[in-house]
Amino acid sequence: MISSMTGFGRYETSTKEYRLSVEIKSVNHRYLDLSVKMPRRFNCFESAVRSLVRERIQRGKVDLYITFDDYSEDRFQLKYNRSLAQAYMRHFGEMEQEFGIRNDITVSTLAGLPEVFLMEEEEQDTESYWPVLSDAVGKALEVFAQARCREGEQLKQDLLQKLDELESMVRRVEERSPQIVTEYRARLYEKMQEILGGAAADENRILMEAAIFADKVCVDEELVRLNTHIRHMREVLEEGNGVGRKLDFLAQEMNREANTTLSKSNDVALSDIAIGMKTEIEKIREQVQNIE
């Protein structure tokens, strides 16, 4: 199934002890550009989280956010730095003697000095959170993938409509091309008749000039390749996921054939159709950029 490179997915789980949420969002990018932001306690899982994402996503600029709120009590403990407090008091005594001033340090003053009391978080068994975290990431990726598939299906239908329009233009060029040579031959004959004052024109010379002109403006090869690329793109759209680069290549090739058709055009009507083809192909290229 076709997937868009733009999407959003979120999953949240909570208990009495914690709340864990995972959010994933992505936009277009040529390759997979993954950014992971998570609490410091989960840093040891970053490599594993990245592996989970790479298994599901091939292209796009992806941002993954993990938030964790710990509701458990008694996670912090207050530590008294006795040696540092003693060092403070020793230096205060030395200052009292050196400067002849009263040492008026109180317990509250000493307790407010840097690093005398430290609030430390008790070490947690971080490894025990991996099953919960991996499950949350996996379910967020499922929601994310569903969103990208829904948008991808819309892109597919839009591209198929554009291919139908492009194919219609190719048929119009196929119908118009033979008429150009016929009209050129008629104009050439009239011109020679005018120059010769009504005398018989050299039919062989007219045929030769018409053949040279037909060879110059012939776009049969370009139209055959365009039809082939259109048919191939339809087939690729049915292949499924991970076809963005292939579609982009086909769009470039179609644009090349349309450019050549336009450069060979020696007819206003044909030029208008060729310009329309280039416009439609550019729309196709823009949409293809959104496909993974």
C-alpha atoms as a PDB file:
ATOM      1  CA  MET A   1       0.000   0.000   0.000  1.00  0.00           C
ATOM      2  CA  ILE A   2       1.269   3.476  -0.896  1.00  0.00           C
ATOM      3  CA  SER A   3       2.408   5.544   2.100  1.00  0.00           C
ATOM      4  CA  SER A   4       2.791   9.283   2.377  1.00  0.00           C
ATOM      5  CA  MET A   5       5.901  10.681   4.040  1.00  0.00           C
ATOM      6  CA  THR A   6       3.724  13.044   6.071  1.00  0.00           C
ATOM      7  CA  GLY A   7       2.011  11.644   9.127  1.00  0.00           C
ATOM      8  CA  PHE A   8       1.364  11.784  12.863  1.00  0.00           C
ATOM      9  CA  GLY A   9       0.902   9.088  15.472  1.00  0.00           C
ATOM     10  CA  ARG A  10       0.474   9.123  19.242  1.00  0.00           C
ATOM     11  CA  TYR A  11       0.063   6.531  21.966  1.00  0.00           C
ATOM     12  CA  GLU A  12      -0.207   6.945  25.726  1.00  0.00           C
ATOM     13  CA  THR A  13      -0.294   4.482  28.599  1.00  0.00           C
ATOM     14  CA  SER A  14      -0.562   5.205  32.302  1.00  0.00           C
ATOM     15  CA  THR A  15      -0.749   3.495  35.693  1.00  0.00           C
ATOM     16  CA  LYS A  16      -0.792   4.713  39.283  1.00  0.00           C
ATOM     17  CA  GLU A  17       2.997   4.883  39.137  1.00  0.00           C
ATOM     18  CA  TYR A  18       3.667   6.569  35.783  1.00  0.00           C
ATOM     19  CA  ARG A  19       2.373   8.044  32.532  1.00  0.00           C
ATOM     20  CA  LEU A  20       4.232   7.284  29.307  1.00  0.00           C
ATOM     21  CA  SER A  21       3.430   8.920  25.958  1.00  0.00           C
ATOM     22  CA  VAL A  22       5.022   8.554  22.525  1.00  0.00           C
ATOM     23  CA  GLU A  23       4.455  10.981  19.633  1.00  0.00           C
ATOM     24  CA  ILE A  24       5.732  10.581  16.074  1.00  0.00           C
ATOM     25  CA  LYS A  25       5.459  13.096  13.264  1.00  0.00           C
ATOM     26  CA  SER A  26       7.143  13.302   9.875  1.00  0.00           C
ATOM     27  CA  VAL A  27       7.491  15.451   6.783  1.00  0.00           C
ATOM     28  CA  ASN A  28       9.098  14.909   3.390  1.00  0.00           C
ATOM     29  CA  HIS A  29      12.782  14.122   3.131  1.00  0.00           C
ATOM     30  CA  ARG A  30      14.952  12.417   0.562  1.00  0.00           C
ATOM     31  CA  TYR A  31      16.208   9.857   3.078  1.00  0.00           C
ATOM     32  CA  LEU A  32      15.301   8.791   6.631  1.00  0.00           C
ATOM     33  CA  ASP A  33      16.283  11.583   9.009  1.00  0.00           C
ATOM     34  CA  LEU A  34      15.308  10.433  12.504  1.00  0.00           C
ATOM     35  CA  SER A  35      15.377  12.620  15.619  1.00  0.00           C
ATOM     36  CA  VAL A  36      14.624  11.028  19.006  1.00  0.00           C
ATOM     37  CA  LYS A  37      13.959  13.039  22.151  1.00  0.00           C
ATOM     38  CA  MET A  38      13.411  11.174  25.414  1.00  0.00           C
ATOM     39  CA  PRO A  39      13.985  11.502  29.175  1.00  0.00           C
ATOM     40  CA  ARG A  40      17.557  11.016  30.302  1.00  0.00           C
ATOM     41  CA  ARG A  41      16.645   7.834  32.176  1.00  0.00           C
ATOM     42  CA  PHE A  42      15.759   6.204  28.835  1.00  0.00           C
ATOM     43  CA  ASN A  43      18.942   7.195  26.982  1.00  0.00           C
ATOM     44  CA  CYS A  44      20.177   3.613  27.188  1.00  0.00           C
ATOM     45  CA  PHE A  45      17.224   2.590  24.969  1.00  0.00           C
ATOM     46  CA  GLU A  46      17.855   5.101  22.152  1.00  0.00           C
ATOM     47  CA  SER A  47      19.586   2.634  19.836  1.00  0.00           C
ATOM     48  CA  ALA A  48      16.808   0.072  20.300  1.00  0.00           C
ATOM     49  CA  VAL A  49      14.114   2.711  19.705  1.00  0.00           C
ATOM     50  CA  ARG A  50      15.828   3.827  16.499  1.00  0.00           C
ATOM     51  CA  SER A  51      15.894   0.214  15.315  1.00  0.00           C
ATOM     52  CA  LEU A  52      12.143  -0.105  15.907  1.00  0.00           C
ATOM     53  CA  VAL A  53      11.511   3.007  13.823  1.00  0.00           C
ATOM     54  CA  ARG A  54      13.793   1.940  10.967  1.00  0.00           C
ATOM     55  CA  GLU A  55      11.930  -1.364  10.700  1.00  0.00           C
ATOM     56  CA  ARG A  56       8.717   0.538   9.880  1.00  0.00           C
ATOM     57  CA  ILE A  57       9.851   3.727   8.124  1.00  0.00           C
ATOM     58  CA  GLN A  58      12.107   4.074   5.080  1.00  0.00           C
ATOM     59  CA  ARG A  59      12.023   7.788   4.221  1.00  0.00           C
ATOM     60  CA  GLY A  60      11.052  11.111   5.767  1.00  0.00           C
ATOM     61  CA  LYS A  61      12.198  13.578   8.389  1.00  0.00           C
ATOM     62  CA  VAL A  62      10.847  11.881  11.488  1.00  0.00           C
ATOM     63  CA  ASP A  63      10.640  13.358  14.987  1.00  0.00           C
ATOM     64  CA  LEU A  64       9.886  11.011  17.869  1.00  0.00           C
ATOM     65  CA  TYR A  65       9.095  12.396  21.320  1.00  0.00           C
ATOM     66  CA  ILE A  66       8.899  10.278  24.476  1.00  0.00           C
ATOM     67  CA  THR A  67       7.635  11.799  27.723  1.00  0.00           C
ATOM     68  CA  PHE A  68       7.536  10.053  31.076  1.00  0.00           C
ATOM     69  CA  ASP A  69       5.889  11.256  34.308  1.00  0.00           C
ATOM     70  CA  ASP A  70       6.807   9.282  37.411  1.00  0.00           C
ATOM     71  CA  TYR A  71       4.078   9.297  40.086  1.00  0.00           C
ATOM     72  CA  SER A  72       5.820   6.948  42.517  1.00  0.00           C
ATOM     73  CA  GLU A  73       6.593   8.336  45.972  1.00  0.00           C
ATOM     74  CA  ASP A  74       9.847   8.306  47.971  1.00  0.00           C
ATOM     75  CA  ARG A  75      11.921   8.532  44.811  1.00  0.00           C
ATOM     76  CA  PHE A  76      14.105  11.274  46.271  1.00  0.00           C
ATOM     77  CA  GLN A  77      16.231  11.340  49.409  1.00  0.00           C
ATOM     78  CA  LEU A  78      17.977  14.165  51.190  1.00  0.00           C
ATOM     79  CA  LYS A  79      21.686  13.673  51.819  1.00  0.00           C
ATOM     80  CA  TYR A  80      23.736  15.612  54.335  1.00  0.00           C
ATOM     81  CA  ASN A  81      27.301  16.350  53.214  1.00  0.00           C
ATOM     82  CA  ARG A  82      28.973  16.229  56.621  1.00  0.00           C
ATOM     83  CA  SER A  83      32.559  16.690  55.443  1.00  0.00           C
ATOM     84  CA  LEU A  84      31.662  19.781  53.440  1.00  0.00           C
ATOM     85  CA  ALA A  85      29.781  21.301  56.395  1.00  0.00           C
ATOM     86  CA  GLN A  86      32.826  20.704  58.616  1.00  0.00           C
ATOM     87  CA  ALA A  87      35.050  22.374  56.047  1.00  0.00           C
ATOM     88  CA  TYR A  88      32.733  25.392  55.976  1.00  0.00           C
ATOM     89  CA  MET A  89      32.838  25.698  59.801  1.00  0.00           C
ATOM     90  CA  ARG A  90      36.617  25.314  59.886  1.00  0.00           C
ATOM     91  CA  HIS A  91      37.083  28.127  57.416  1.00  0.00           C
ATOM     92  CA  PHE A  92      34.574  30.315  59.272  1.00  0.00           C
ATOM     93  CA  GLY A  93      36.636  29.792  62.480  1.00  0.00           C
ATOM     94  CA  GLU A  94      39.801  30.782  60.662  1.00  0.00           C
ATOM     95  CA  MET A  95      38.103  33.919  59.331  1.00  0.00           C
ATOM     96  CA  GLU A  96      36.939  34.811  62.860  1.00  0.00           C
ATOM     97  CA  GLN A  97      40.496  34.682  64.193  1.00  0.00           C
ATOM     98  CA  GLU A  98      42.102  36.333  61.160  1.00  0.00           C
ATOM     99  CA  PHE A  99      39.749  39.298  60.929  1.00  0.00           C
ATOM    100  CA  GLY A 100      38.634  39.592  64.564  1.00  0.00           C
ATOM    101  CA  ILE A 101      34.949  39.314  63.720  1.00  0.00           C
ATOM    102  CA  ARG A 102      32.169  37.361  65.436  1.00  0.00           C
ATOM    103  CA  ASN A 103      31.317  33.970  64.022  1.00  0.00           C
ATOM    104  CA  ASP A 104      27.510  34.203  63.831  1.00  0.00           C
ATOM    105  CA  ILE A 105      26.850  31.108  61.708  1.00  0.00           C
ATOM    106  CA  THR A 106      23.581  29.355  62.556  1.00  0.00           C
ATOM    107  CA  VAL A 107      22.299  25.958  61.520  1.00  0.00           C
ATOM    108  CA  SER A 108      19.904  27.469  58.987  1.00  0.00           C
ATOM    109  CA  THR A 109      22.731  29.553  57.468  1.00  0.00           C
ATOM    110  CA  LEU A 110      25.001  26.533  57.194  1.00  0.00           C
ATOM    111  CA  ALA A 111      22.219  24.392  55.727  1.00  0.00           C
ATOM    112  CA  GLY A 112      21.643  26.981  52.985  1.00  0.00           C
ATOM    113  CA  LEU A 113      25.220  26.885  51.753  1.00  0.00           C
ATOM    114  CA  PRO A 114      25.888  25.140  48.417  1.00  0.00           C
ATOM    115  CA  GLU A 115      26.059  21.345  48.443  1.00  0.00           C
ATOM    116  CA  VAL A 116      25.600  20.942  52.211  1.00  0.00           C
ATOM    117  CA  PHE A 117      22.256  19.237  51.556  1.00  0.00           C
ATOM    118  CA  LEU A 118      21.713  17.325  48.305  1.00  0.00           C
ATOM    119  CA  MET A 119      18.447  16.057  46.855  1.00  0.00           C
ATOM    120  CA  GLU A 120      19.190  12.835  45.040  1.00  0.00           C
ATOM    121  CA  GLU A 121      16.874  10.600  43.044  1.00  0.00           C
ATOM    122  CA  GLU A 122      17.097   6.974  43.971  1.00  0.00           C
ATOM    123  CA  GLU A 123      18.351   4.731  41.224  1.00  0.00           C
ATOM    124  CA  GLN A 124      15.561   3.036  39.312  1.00  0.00           C
ATOM    125  CA  ASP A 125      15.557  -0.309  37.577  1.00  0.00           C
ATOM    126  CA  THR A 126      15.464   1.301  34.128  1.00  0.00           C
ATOM    127  CA  GLU A 127      15.703  -2.001  32.254  1.00  0.00           C
ATOM    128  CA  SER A 128      12.316  -3.033  33.598  1.00  0.00           C
ATOM    129  CA  TYR A 129      10.708  -0.203  31.598  1.00  0.00           C
ATOM    130  CA  TRP A 130      11.830  -1.512  28.195  1.00  0.00           C
ATOM    131  CA  PRO A 131       8.832  -3.831  27.588  1.00  0.00           C
ATOM    132  CA  VAL A 132       6.460  -0.941  28.325  1.00  0.00           C
ATOM    133  CA  LEU A 133       8.464   1.542  26.255  1.00  0.00           C
ATOM    134  CA  SER A 134       8.902  -0.764  23.256  1.00  0.00           C
ATOM    135  CA  ASP A 135       5.184  -1.592  23.291  1.00  0.00           C
ATOM    136  CA  ALA A 136       4.255   2.120  23.409  1.00  0.00           C
ATOM    137  CA  VAL A 137       6.638   2.959  20.550  1.00  0.00           C
ATOM    138  CA  GLY A 138       5.271   0.065  18.500  1.00  0.00           C
ATOM    139  CA  LYS A 139       1.651   1.123  18.974  1.00  0.00           C
ATOM    140  CA  ALA A 140       2.476   4.759  18.186  1.00  0.00           C
ATOM    141  CA  LEU A 141       4.153   3.528  14.993  1.00  0.00           C
ATOM    142  CA  GLU A 142       1.003   1.583  14.089  1.00  0.00           C
ATOM    143  CA  VAL A 143      -1.158   4.698  14.430  1.00  0.00           C
ATOM    144  CA  PHE A 144       1.479   6.662  12.502  1.00  0.00           C
ATOM    145  CA  ALA A 145       1.585   4.074   9.696  1.00  0.00           C
ATOM    146  CA  GLN A 146      -2.215   4.068   9.384  1.00  0.00           C
ATOM    147  CA  ALA A 147      -2.243   7.859   9.008  1.00  0.00           C
ATOM    148  CA  ARG A 148       0.454   7.725   6.334  1.00  0.00           C
ATOM    149  CA  CYS A 149      -1.388   4.964   4.459  1.00  0.00           C
ATOM    150  CA  ARG A 150      -4.639   6.943   4.427  1.00  0.00           C
ATOM    151  CA  GLU A 151      -2.871   9.957   2.969  1.00  0.00           C
ATOM    152  CA  GLY A 152      -0.912   7.700   0.628  1.00  0.00           C
ATOM    153  CA  GLU A 153      -4.150   6.288  -0.813  1.00  0.00           C
ATOM    154  CA  GLN A 154      -5.362   9.822  -1.512  1.00  0.00           C
ATOM    155  CA  LEU A 155      -2.059  10.616  -3.240  1.00  0.00           C
ATOM    156  CA  LYS A 156      -2.375   7.447  -5.326  1.00  0.00           C
ATOM    157  CA  GLN A 157      -5.863   8.341  -6.552  1.00  0.00           C
ATOM    158  CA  ASP A 158      -4.757  11.875  -7.379  1.00  0.00           C
ATOM    159  CA  LEU A 159      -1.747  10.584  -9.329  1.00  0.00           C
ATOM    160  CA  LEU A 160      -3.910   8.131 -11.279  1.00  0.00           C
ATOM    161  CA  GLN A 161      -6.207  10.989 -12.308  1.00  0.00           C
ATOM    162  CA  LYS A 162      -3.226  13.051 -13.408  1.00  0.00           C
ATOM    163  CA  LEU A 163      -1.869  10.122 -15.405  1.00  0.00           C
ATOM    164  CA  ASP A 164      -5.249   9.802 -17.148  1.00  0.00           C
ATOM    165  CA  GLU A 165      -5.093  13.485 -18.084  1.00  0.00           C
ATOM    166  CA  LEU A 166      -1.506  13.152 -19.296  1.00  0.00           C
ATOM    167  CA  GLU A 167      -2.402  10.100 -21.379  1.00  0.00           C
ATOM    168  CA  SER A 168      -5.248  12.050 -22.954  1.00  0.00           C
ATOM    169  CA  MET A 169      -2.787  14.779 -23.965  1.00  0.00           C
ATOM    170  CA  VAL A 170      -0.433  12.187 -25.487  1.00  0.00           C
ATOM    171  CA  ARG A 171      -3.315  10.873 -27.631  1.00  0.00           C
ATOM    172  CA  ARG A 172      -4.033  14.419 -28.813  1.00  0.00           C
ATOM    173  CA  VAL A 173      -0.399  14.816 -29.857  1.00  0.00           C
ATOM    174  CA  GLU A 174      -0.567  11.461 -31.689  1.00  0.00           C
ATOM    175  CA  GLU A 175      -3.657  12.659 -33.568  1.00  0.00           C
ATOM    176  CA  ARG A 176      -2.211  16.066 -34.382  1.00  0.00           C
ATOM    177  CA  SER A 177       1.290  15.035 -35.521  1.00  0.00           C
ATOM    178  CA  PRO A 178       0.321  13.491 -38.929  1.00  0.00           C
ATOM    179  CA  GLN A 179      -1.871  16.509 -39.719  1.00  0.00           C
ATOM    180  CA  ILE A 180       1.124  18.843 -39.308  1.00  0.00           C
ATOM    181  CA  VAL A 181       3.044  17.122 -42.123  1.00  0.00           C
ATOM    182  CA  THR A 182      -0.026  17.064 -44.395  1.00  0.00           C
ATOM    183  CA  GLU A 183      -0.673  20.755 -43.795  1.00  0.00           C
ATOM    184  CA  TYR A 184       3.011  21.583 -44.371  1.00  0.00           C
ATOM    185  CA  ARG A 185       2.999  19.707 -47.672  1.00  0.00           C
ATOM    186  CA  ALA A 186      -0.141  21.591 -48.781  1.00  0.00           C
ATOM    187  CA  ARG A 187       1.360  24.968 -47.848  1.00  0.00           C
ATOM    188  CA  LEU A 188       4.603  24.093 -49.612  1.00  0.00           C
ATOM    189  CA  TYR A 189       2.715  23.127 -52.779  1.00  0.00           C
ATOM    190  CA  GLU A 190       0.710  26.367 -52.739  1.00  0.00           C
ATOM    191  CA  LYS A 191       3.871  28.394 -52.225  1.00  0.00           C
ATOM    192  CA  MET A 192       5.633  26.764 -55.139  1.00  0.00           C
ATOM    193  CA  GLN A 193       2.582  27.248 -57.320  1.00  0.00           C
ATOM    194  CA  GLU A 194       2.605  30.899 -56.414  1.00  0.00           C
ATOM    195  CA  ILE A 195       6.295  31.252 -57.188  1.00  0.00           C
ATOM    196  CA  LEU A 196       6.020  29.367 -60.498  1.00  0.00           C
ATOM    197  CA  GLY A 197       3.013  31.414 -61.550  1.00  0.00           C
ATOM    198  CA  GLY A 198       0.688  28.469 -61.985  1.00  0.00           C
ATOM    199  CA  ALA A 199       3.188  26.159 -63.688  1.00  0.00           C
ATOM    200  CA  ALA A 200       3.389  22.559 -62.526  1.00  0.00           C
ATOM    201  CA  ALA A 201       5.413  22.177 -59.341  1.00  0.00           C
ATOM    202  CA  ASP A 202       8.106  19.532 -58.967  1.00  0.00           C
ATOM    203  CA  GLU A 203       6.219  16.840 -57.070  1.00  0.00           C
ATOM    204  CA  ASN A 204       9.411  14.960 -56.152  1.00  0.00           C
ATOM    205  CA  ARG A 205      10.939  18.084 -54.637  1.00  0.00           C
ATOM    206  CA  ILE A 206       7.810  18.703 -52.596  1.00  0.00           C
ATOM    207  CA  LEU A 207       7.830  15.109 -51.342  1.00  0.00           C
ATOM    208  CA  MET A 208      11.506  15.402 -50.402  1.00  0.00           C
ATOM    209  CA  GLU A 209      10.968  18.637 -48.469  1.00  0.00           C
ATOM    210  CA  ALA A 210       7.928  17.168 -46.750  1.00  0.00           C
ATOM    211  CA  ALA A 211       9.935  14.074 -45.750  1.00  0.00           C
ATOM    212  CA  ILE A 212      12.742  16.216 -44.288  1.00  0.00           C
ATOM    213  CA  PHE A 213      10.186  18.265 -42.360  1.00  0.00           C
ATOM    214  CA  ALA A 214       8.397  15.126 -41.132  1.00  0.00           C
ATOM    215  CA  ASP A 215      11.660  13.676 -39.860  1.00  0.00           C
ATOM    216  CA  LYS A 216      12.478  16.932 -38.035  1.00  0.00           C
ATOM    217  CA  VAL A 217       9.136  17.180 -36.217  1.00  0.00           C
ATOM    218  CA  CYS A 218       8.563  13.464 -35.677  1.00  0.00           C
ATOM    219  CA  VAL A 219       7.842  12.698 -32.012  1.00  0.00           C
ATOM    220  CA  ASP A 220       6.805   9.062 -32.381  1.00  0.00           C
ATOM    221  CA  GLU A 221       9.669   7.768 -30.234  1.00  0.00           C
ATOM    222  CA  GLU A 222       8.972  10.324 -27.507  1.00  0.00           C
ATOM    223  CA  LEU A 223       5.282   9.436 -27.437  1.00  0.00           C
ATOM    224  CA  VAL A 224       6.011   5.707 -27.278  1.00  0.00           C
ATOM    225  CA  ARG A 225       8.327   6.260 -24.309  1.00  0.00           C
ATOM    226  CA  LEU A 226       5.816   8.567 -22.630  1.00  0.00           C
ATOM    227  CA  ASN A 227       3.094   5.937 -22.926  1.00  0.00           C
ATOM    228  CA  THR A 228       5.505   3.341 -21.546  1.00  0.00           C
ATOM    229  CA  HIS A 229       6.391   5.528 -18.558  1.00  0.00           C
ATOM    230  CA  ILE A 230       2.711   6.239 -17.860  1.00  0.00           C
ATOM    231  CA  ARG A 231       1.895   2.534 -17.933  1.00  0.00           C
ATOM    232  CA  HIS A 232       4.911   1.735 -15.748  1.00  0.00           C
ATOM    233  CA  MET A 233       3.978   4.400 -13.198  1.00  0.00           C
ATOM    234  CA  ARG A 234       0.492   2.910 -12.876  1.00  0.00           C
ATOM    235  CA  GLU A 235       2.069  -0.501 -12.237  1.00  0.00           C
ATOM    236  CA  VAL A 236       4.439   0.928  -9.625  1.00  0.00           C
ATOM    237  CA  LEU A 237       1.542   2.614  -7.817  1.00  0.00           C
ATOM    238  CA  GLU A 238       0.029  -0.845  -7.367  1.00  0.00           C
ATOM    239  CA  GLU A 239       3.251  -2.368  -6.028  1.00  0.00           C
ATOM    240  CA  GLY A 240       2.858  -0.986  -2.503  1.00  0.00           C
ATOM    241  CA  ASN A 241       5.135   0.775  -0.058  1.00  0.00           C
ATOM    242  CA  GLY A 242       8.621   2.193  -0.616  1.00  0.00           C
ATOM    243  CA  VAL A 243       8.201   3.224  -4.278  1.00  0.00           C
ATOM    244  CA  GLY A 244       8.758   6.981  -3.955  1.00  0.00           C
ATOM    245  CA  ARG A 245      12.220   7.022  -5.535  1.00  0.00           C
ATOM    246  CA  LYS A 246      11.076   4.856  -8.437  1.00  0.00           C
ATOM    247  CA  LEU A 247       8.113   7.141  -9.086  1.00  0.00           C
ATOM    248  CA  ASP A 248      10.359  10.196  -8.930  1.00  0.00           C
ATOM    249  CA  PHE A 249      12.669   8.676 -11.550  1.00  0.00           C
ATOM    250  CA  LEU A 250       9.735   7.915 -13.864  1.00  0.00           C
ATOM    251  CA  ALA A 251       8.435  11.473 -13.482  1.00  0.00           C
ATOM    252  CA  GLN A 252      11.865  12.818 -14.481  1.00  0.00           C
ATOM    253  CA  GLU A 253      11.899  10.589 -17.550  1.00  0.00           C
ATOM    254  CA  MET A 254       8.403  11.727 -18.555  1.00  0.00           C
ATOM    255  CA  ASN A 255       9.490  15.328 -18.213  1.00  0.00           C
ATOM    256  CA  ARG A 256      12.456  14.628 -20.495  1.00  0.00           C
ATOM    257  CA  GLU A 257      10.189  13.241 -23.233  1.00  0.00           C
ATOM    258  CA  ALA A 258       7.756  16.158 -22.887  1.00  0.00           C
ATOM    259  CA  ASN A 259      10.649  18.636 -23.233  1.00  0.00           C
ATOM    260  CA  THR A 260      11.823  16.936 -26.420  1.00  0.00           C
ATOM    261  CA  THR A 261       8.284  16.934 -27.811  1.00  0.00           C
ATOM    262  CA  LEU A 262       7.972  20.649 -27.136  1.00  0.00           C
ATOM    263  CA  SER A 263      11.371  21.425 -28.698  1.00  0.00           C
ATOM    264  CA  LYS A 264      10.402  19.586 -31.904  1.00  0.00           C
ATOM    265  CA  SER A 265       7.032  21.281 -32.117  1.00  0.00           C
ATOM    266  CA  ASN A 266       6.543  23.531 -35.131  1.00  0.00           C
ATOM    267  CA  ASP A 267       2.843  23.986 -34.608  1.00  0.00           C
ATOM    268  CA  VAL A 268       0.942  26.268 -32.206  1.00  0.00           C
ATOM    269  CA  ALA A 269      -1.688  23.679 -31.288  1.00  0.00           C
ATOM    270  CA  LEU A 270       0.949  21.004 -30.679  1.00  0.00           C
ATOM    271  CA  SER A 271       3.036  23.409 -28.593  1.00  0.00           C
ATOM    272  CA  ASP A 272       0.023  24.171 -26.416  1.00  0.00           C
ATOM    273  CA  ILE A 273      -0.559  20.474 -25.801  1.00  0.00           C
ATOM    274  CA  ALA A 274       3.135  19.881 -25.026  1.00  0.00           C
ATOM    275  CA  ILE A 275       3.138  22.762 -22.534  1.00  0.00           C
ATOM    276  CA  GLY A 276       0.048  21.244 -20.929  1.00  0.00           C
ATOM    277  CA  MET A 277       1.890  17.918 -20.705  1.00  0.00           C
ATOM    278  CA  LYS A 278       4.849  19.547 -18.972  1.00  0.00           C
ATOM    279  CA  THR A 279       2.494  21.284 -16.517  1.00  0.00           C
ATOM    280  CA  GLU A 280       0.735  18.019 -15.672  1.00  0.00           C
ATOM    281  CA  ILE A 281       4.039  16.175 -15.265  1.00  0.00           C
ATOM    282  CA  GLU A 282       5.266  18.881 -12.888  1.00  0.00           C
ATOM    283  CA  LYS A 283       2.136  18.341 -10.796  1.00  0.00           C
ATOM    284  CA  ILE A 284       2.886  14.622 -10.793  1.00  0.00           C
ATOM    285  CA  ARG A 285       6.473  15.277  -9.668  1.00  0.00           C
ATOM    286  CA  GLU A 286       5.269  17.456  -6.821  1.00  0.00           C
ATOM    287  CA  GLN A 287       2.905  14.772  -5.571  1.00  0.00           C
ATOM    288  CA  VAL A 288       5.514  12.035  -5.949  1.00  0.00           C
ATOM    289  CA  GLN A 289       7.763  13.950  -3.546  1.00  0.00           C
ATOM    290  CA  ASN A 290       5.225  13.142  -0.815  1.00  0.00           C
ATOM    291  CA  ILE A 291       5.406   9.365  -1.281  1.00  0.00           C
ATOM    292  CA  GLU A 292       7.700   7.207   0.838  1.00  0.00           C
END
